Amino acid sequence: MRLKLRYFALVKDLTGKEIEEVYTNCFTLDCLINELKERYGQRFKALLEGQVTGVKVFVLVNGKMDVKELKEGDEVAILPPPAGGELRKGKLDILEEIKNFRSLAPLEAGSMVVYVGFVKGMVDGHKVNDLIYESYESYTQQRLLEIEEEIKRRYRDVIDIKIIHAIDKMKPGDDVILIMVLGRGRKDAIDAVKDTIELVKHTTGIWKLEVRDDGEYWVVAGNTRVKRT
């Protein structure tokens, strides 16, 4: 059976490749994972078995969790947890995005709450030179849209929400993520932004490689840092 395998962030470092096609006799995900552990060695095995502190790897089959059975042509993605709508290649024009979203406010809107995340220049006493973003684009695009719909269902007074995340090589001070919420009042709009930040950080396929004066670190599971080998 032919399968397409995709690896991301520190998983990619251990396999030495981003994408590969494999032919296997495995018809279950557990069988395939055991086969890959044998192929890629002890460090890969340790990562998948949760032996790397703070990092729990998960597996998607055709972009879905909890799939046990495999079939011809499936895409299997092995992902570390994410670091943190719409993905954008390149830099964000924050003021233009805010202006455009504000112009869409209907008459019943009475508030707009904005969150902007940008690249830190110093982490744990070390200078950051670059922050390089990577994403599982098809999954993340869909997940950002799902988060927007989930937030609108959760908060009665939220009229609209937009999430934009830049995927590029960033420098300290560069704007990376923009979350905008239009609300009838302020409370639900503020709470909605807080919840959205956590969902983007923990349930999307976005990772970052932090290039610092003391080495390179994959940032996963929110703020867990794993030194690149």
Protein backbone atom coordinates (compact mmCIF):
# COMPACT_ATOMS: atom_id res chain seq x y z
CA MET A 1 0.00 0.00 0.00
CA ARG A 2 1.27 3.47 -0.92
CA LEU A 3 1.13 6.31 1.65
CA LYS A 4 2.31 9.93 1.67
CA LEU A 5 4.12 10.93 4.87
CA ARG A 6 4.75 14.50 6.00
CA TYR A 7 7.03 15.62 8.84
CA PHE A 8 7.15 19.02 10.54
CA ALA A 9 9.51 21.07 12.75
CA LEU A 10 11.74 18.91 15.00
CA VAL A 11 10.20 15.71 13.58
CA LYS A 12 11.54 16.78 10.18
CA ASP A 13 15.00 17.25 11.69
CA LEU A 14 15.05 13.64 12.88
CA THR A 15 13.88 12.11 9.59
CA GLY A 16 15.95 14.43 7.41
CA LYS A 17 13.02 15.01 5.06
CA GLU A 18 9.72 16.88 4.84
CA ILE A 19 7.76 14.52 2.59
CA GLU A 20 8.17 10.94 1.46
CA GLU A 21 6.13 8.25 -0.23
CA VAL A 22 6.33 4.82 1.36
CA TYR A 23 5.09 1.39 0.43
CA THR A 24 3.96 -0.61 3.43
CA ASN A 25 2.04 -3.71 4.42
CA CYS A 26 0.57 -1.84 7.40
CA PHE A 27 -3.16 -1.20 7.37
CA THR A 28 -3.30 0.44 10.82
CA LEU A 29 -1.70 3.61 12.10
CA ASP A 30 -0.08 1.83 15.06
CA CYS A 31 1.64 -0.61 12.71
CA LEU A 32 2.95 2.23 10.55
CA ILE A 33 4.27 4.18 13.54
CA ASN A 34 6.14 1.12 14.81
CA GLU A 35 7.63 0.65 11.34
CA LEU A 36 8.82 4.28 11.31
CA LYS A 37 10.34 3.94 14.78
CA GLU A 38 12.46 1.08 13.48
CA ARG A 39 13.45 3.04 10.37
CA TYR A 40 14.43 6.33 12.05
CA GLY A 41 16.02 5.10 15.25
CA GLN A 42 16.05 5.73 18.97
CA ARG A 43 15.73 9.53 19.02
CA PHE A 44 12.70 9.41 16.71
CA LYS A 45 11.22 6.61 18.85
CA ALA A 46 11.81 8.62 22.05
CA LEU A 47 10.05 11.66 20.58
CA LEU A 48 6.99 9.69 19.48
CA GLU A 49 6.77 7.92 22.83
CA GLY A 50 6.70 11.18 24.80
CA GLN A 51 10.17 10.87 26.29
CA VAL A 52 11.16 14.42 25.29
CA THR A 53 10.05 16.69 28.13
CA GLY A 54 7.20 19.03 27.26
CA VAL A 55 6.65 17.62 23.76
CA LYS A 56 3.75 15.36 22.82
CA VAL A 57 3.76 14.44 19.15
CA PHE A 58 0.44 13.75 17.45
CA VAL A 59 -0.52 12.22 14.11
CA LEU A 60 -3.13 13.28 11.55
CA VAL A 61 -4.47 11.11 8.74
CA ASN A 62 -5.82 13.25 5.89
CA GLY A 63 -5.96 16.17 8.33
CA LYS A 64 -8.03 14.29 10.95
CA MET A 65 -7.28 13.07 14.46
CA ASP A 66 -8.14 9.64 15.88
CA VAL A 67 -8.00 7.72 12.60
CA LYS A 68 -6.89 4.14 13.26
CA GLU A 69 -7.22 2.42 9.87
CA LEU A 70 -5.18 3.29 6.78
CA LYS A 71 -6.01 2.96 3.11
CA GLU A 72 -4.22 3.42 -0.21
CA GLY A 73 -3.10 6.99 -0.88
CA ASP A 74 -3.68 8.38 2.64
CA GLU A 75 -1.60 11.36 3.82
CA VAL A 76 -0.13 10.84 7.28
CA ALA A 77 1.32 13.91 9.03
CA ILE A 78 3.47 13.64 12.16
CA LEU A 79 3.40 16.89 14.12
CA PRO A 80 4.86 18.30 17.30
CA PRO A 81 2.39 20.47 19.22
CA PRO A 82 2.02 23.97 17.73
CA ALA A 83 3.68 27.10 19.02
CA GLY A 84 0.37 29.23 18.39
CA GLY A 85 -8.76 32.60 9.72
CA GLU A 86 -5.97 33.09 7.41
CA LEU A 87 -2.31 32.35 6.78
CA ARG A 88 -0.24 35.02 5.06
CA LYS A 89 3.07 34.63 3.32
CA GLY A 90 5.22 37.64 4.13
CA LYS A 91 4.77 40.53 6.54
CA LEU A 92 1.50 41.97 7.85
CA ASP A 93 0.24 45.51 7.28
CA ILE A 94 -1.44 45.77 10.69
CA LEU A 95 -2.99 49.21 10.30
CA GLU A 96 -4.48 48.42 6.90
CA GLU A 97 -5.95 45.14 8.19
CA ILE A 98 -7.52 46.89 11.19
CA LYS A 99 -8.93 49.65 9.00
CA ASN A 100 -10.48 47.14 6.58
CA PHE A 101 -12.04 45.02 9.33
CA ARG A 102 -13.39 48.08 11.16
CA SER A 103 -15.09 49.24 7.96
CA LEU A 104 -17.20 46.05 8.00
CA ALA A 105 -18.78 46.81 11.39
CA PRO A 106 -22.61 46.72 11.21
CA LEU A 107 -24.84 49.21 13.01
CA GLU A 108 -25.30 46.99 16.09
CA ALA A 109 -21.53 46.82 16.73
CA GLY A 110 -20.24 48.87 19.65
CA SER A 111 -16.69 47.61 20.18
CA MET A 112 -13.64 46.29 18.41
CA VAL A 113 -10.88 44.47 20.30
CA VAL A 114 -7.50 43.90 18.66
CA TYR A 115 -4.59 41.67 19.67
CA VAL A 116 -1.21 41.94 17.94
CA GLY A 117 1.60 39.46 18.61
CA PHE A 118 5.14 40.32 17.50
CA VAL A 119 8.59 38.77 17.70
CA LYS A 120 10.55 39.08 20.93
CA GLY A 121 14.13 40.31 20.73
CA MET A 122 15.26 38.64 23.96
CA VAL A 123 14.32 35.23 25.44
CA ASP A 124 15.76 33.78 28.66
CA GLY A 125 18.56 36.36 28.55
CA HIS A 126 19.58 35.47 24.99
CA LYS A 127 19.31 37.65 21.91
CA VAL A 128 16.93 36.47 19.20
CA ASN A 129 18.20 37.01 15.65
CA ASP A 130 15.40 35.39 13.61
CA LEU A 131 12.12 33.58 14.11
CA ILE A 132 11.32 31.22 11.23
CA TYR A 133 7.72 30.05 10.96
CA GLU A 134 6.55 26.77 9.48
CA SER A 135 2.99 25.47 9.07
CA TYR A 136 0.92 22.52 7.94
CA GLU A 137 -1.01 24.86 5.69
CA SER A 138 -4.09 22.90 4.63
CA TYR A 139 -4.81 21.77 8.19
CA THR A 140 -4.11 25.18 9.73
CA GLN A 141 -6.22 27.15 7.24
CA GLN A 142 -9.19 24.91 8.07
CA ARG A 143 -8.50 25.02 11.80
CA LEU A 144 -8.37 28.84 11.88
CA LEU A 145 -11.78 28.97 10.20
CA GLU A 146 -13.11 26.46 12.73
CA ILE A 147 -11.79 28.58 15.61
CA GLU A 148 -13.54 31.66 14.23
CA GLU A 149 -16.85 29.77 14.00
CA GLU A 150 -16.37 28.25 17.46
CA ILE A 151 -15.78 31.67 19.03
CA LYS A 152 -18.90 33.13 17.39
CA ARG A 153 -20.96 30.25 18.77
CA ARG A 154 -19.42 30.57 22.22
CA TYR A 155 -19.96 34.33 22.65
CA ARG A 156 -23.43 35.68 21.94
CA ASP A 157 -22.32 39.31 21.54
CA VAL A 158 -19.47 38.59 19.11
CA ILE A 159 -20.55 39.75 15.65
CA ASP A 160 -17.43 38.86 13.68
CA ILE A 161 -13.85 37.71 14.19
CA LYS A 162 -10.78 37.48 11.99
CA ILE A 163 -7.48 35.70 12.64
CA ILE A 164 -4.43 36.41 10.47
CA HIS A 165 -1.08 34.68 11.02
CA ALA A 166 2.05 35.49 9.02
CA ILE A 167 4.30 32.61 7.95
CA ASP A 168 7.78 33.87 7.07
CA LYS A 169 11.28 34.47 8.37
CA MET A 170 10.75 37.21 10.94
CA LYS A 171 12.98 39.64 12.79
CA PRO A 172 12.50 40.98 16.33
CA GLY A 173 9.69 43.53 16.31
CA ASP A 174 7.95 42.08 13.24
CA ASP A 175 4.19 41.60 13.62
CA VAL A 176 3.18 37.93 13.42
CA ILE A 177 -0.43 37.44 14.49
CA LEU A 178 -3.48 39.68 14.37
CA ILE A 179 -6.80 38.82 16.04
CA MET A 180 -9.72 41.22 15.59
CA VAL A 181 -13.18 40.92 17.14
CA LEU A 182 -16.26 43.05 16.55
CA GLY A 183 -18.78 42.94 19.37
CA ARG A 184 -22.06 44.44 20.47
CA GLY A 185 -20.41 45.18 23.80
CA ARG A 186 -16.91 44.99 25.22
CA LYS A 187 -16.98 42.02 27.63
CA ASP A 188 -17.62 39.20 25.16
CA ALA A 189 -15.24 40.77 22.64
CA ILE A 190 -12.39 40.91 25.20
CA ASP A 191 -13.03 37.37 26.44
CA ALA A 192 -13.26 36.11 22.85
CA VAL A 193 -9.80 37.44 22.04
CA LYS A 194 -8.33 35.72 25.13
CA ASP A 195 -9.86 32.36 24.16
CA THR A 196 -8.81 32.73 20.52
CA ILE A 197 -5.16 33.28 21.46
CA GLU A 198 -5.10 30.01 23.42
CA LEU A 199 -6.82 28.04 20.65
CA VAL A 200 -4.39 29.32 18.02
CA LYS A 201 -1.40 28.54 20.24
CA HIS A 202 -2.45 24.99 21.06
CA THR A 203 -4.68 23.61 18.28
CA THR A 204 -3.18 24.74 14.97
CA GLY A 205 -0.28 23.43 12.87
CA ILE A 206 2.12 26.36 13.27
CA TRP A 207 5.65 26.08 14.65
CA LYS A 208 8.61 28.41 14.92
CA LEU A 209 12.37 28.00 14.88
CA GLU A 210 14.02 30.52 17.19
CA VAL A 211 17.52 31.46 16.03
CA ARG A 212 19.40 32.88 19.04
CA ASP A 213 22.92 33.77 20.06
CA ASP A 214 23.14 30.40 21.88
CA GLY A 215 21.78 28.16 19.11
CA GLU A 216 18.52 27.23 17.38
CA TYR A 217 15.40 26.11 19.21
CA TRP A 218 12.07 24.71 18.03
CA VAL A 219 9.27 26.39 19.97
CA VAL A 220 6.42 23.92 20.49
CA ALA A 221 3.57 23.25 22.95
CA GLY A 222 3.06 26.97 23.52
CA ASN A 223 6.46 27.96 24.91
CA THR A 224 8.45 24.73 25.24
CA ARG A 225 11.87 25.05 23.59
CA VAL A 226 13.72 22.07 22.15
CA LYS A 227 17.29 22.71 20.99
CA ARG A 228 17.85 21.81 17.37
CA THR A 229 20.40 19.07 16.85
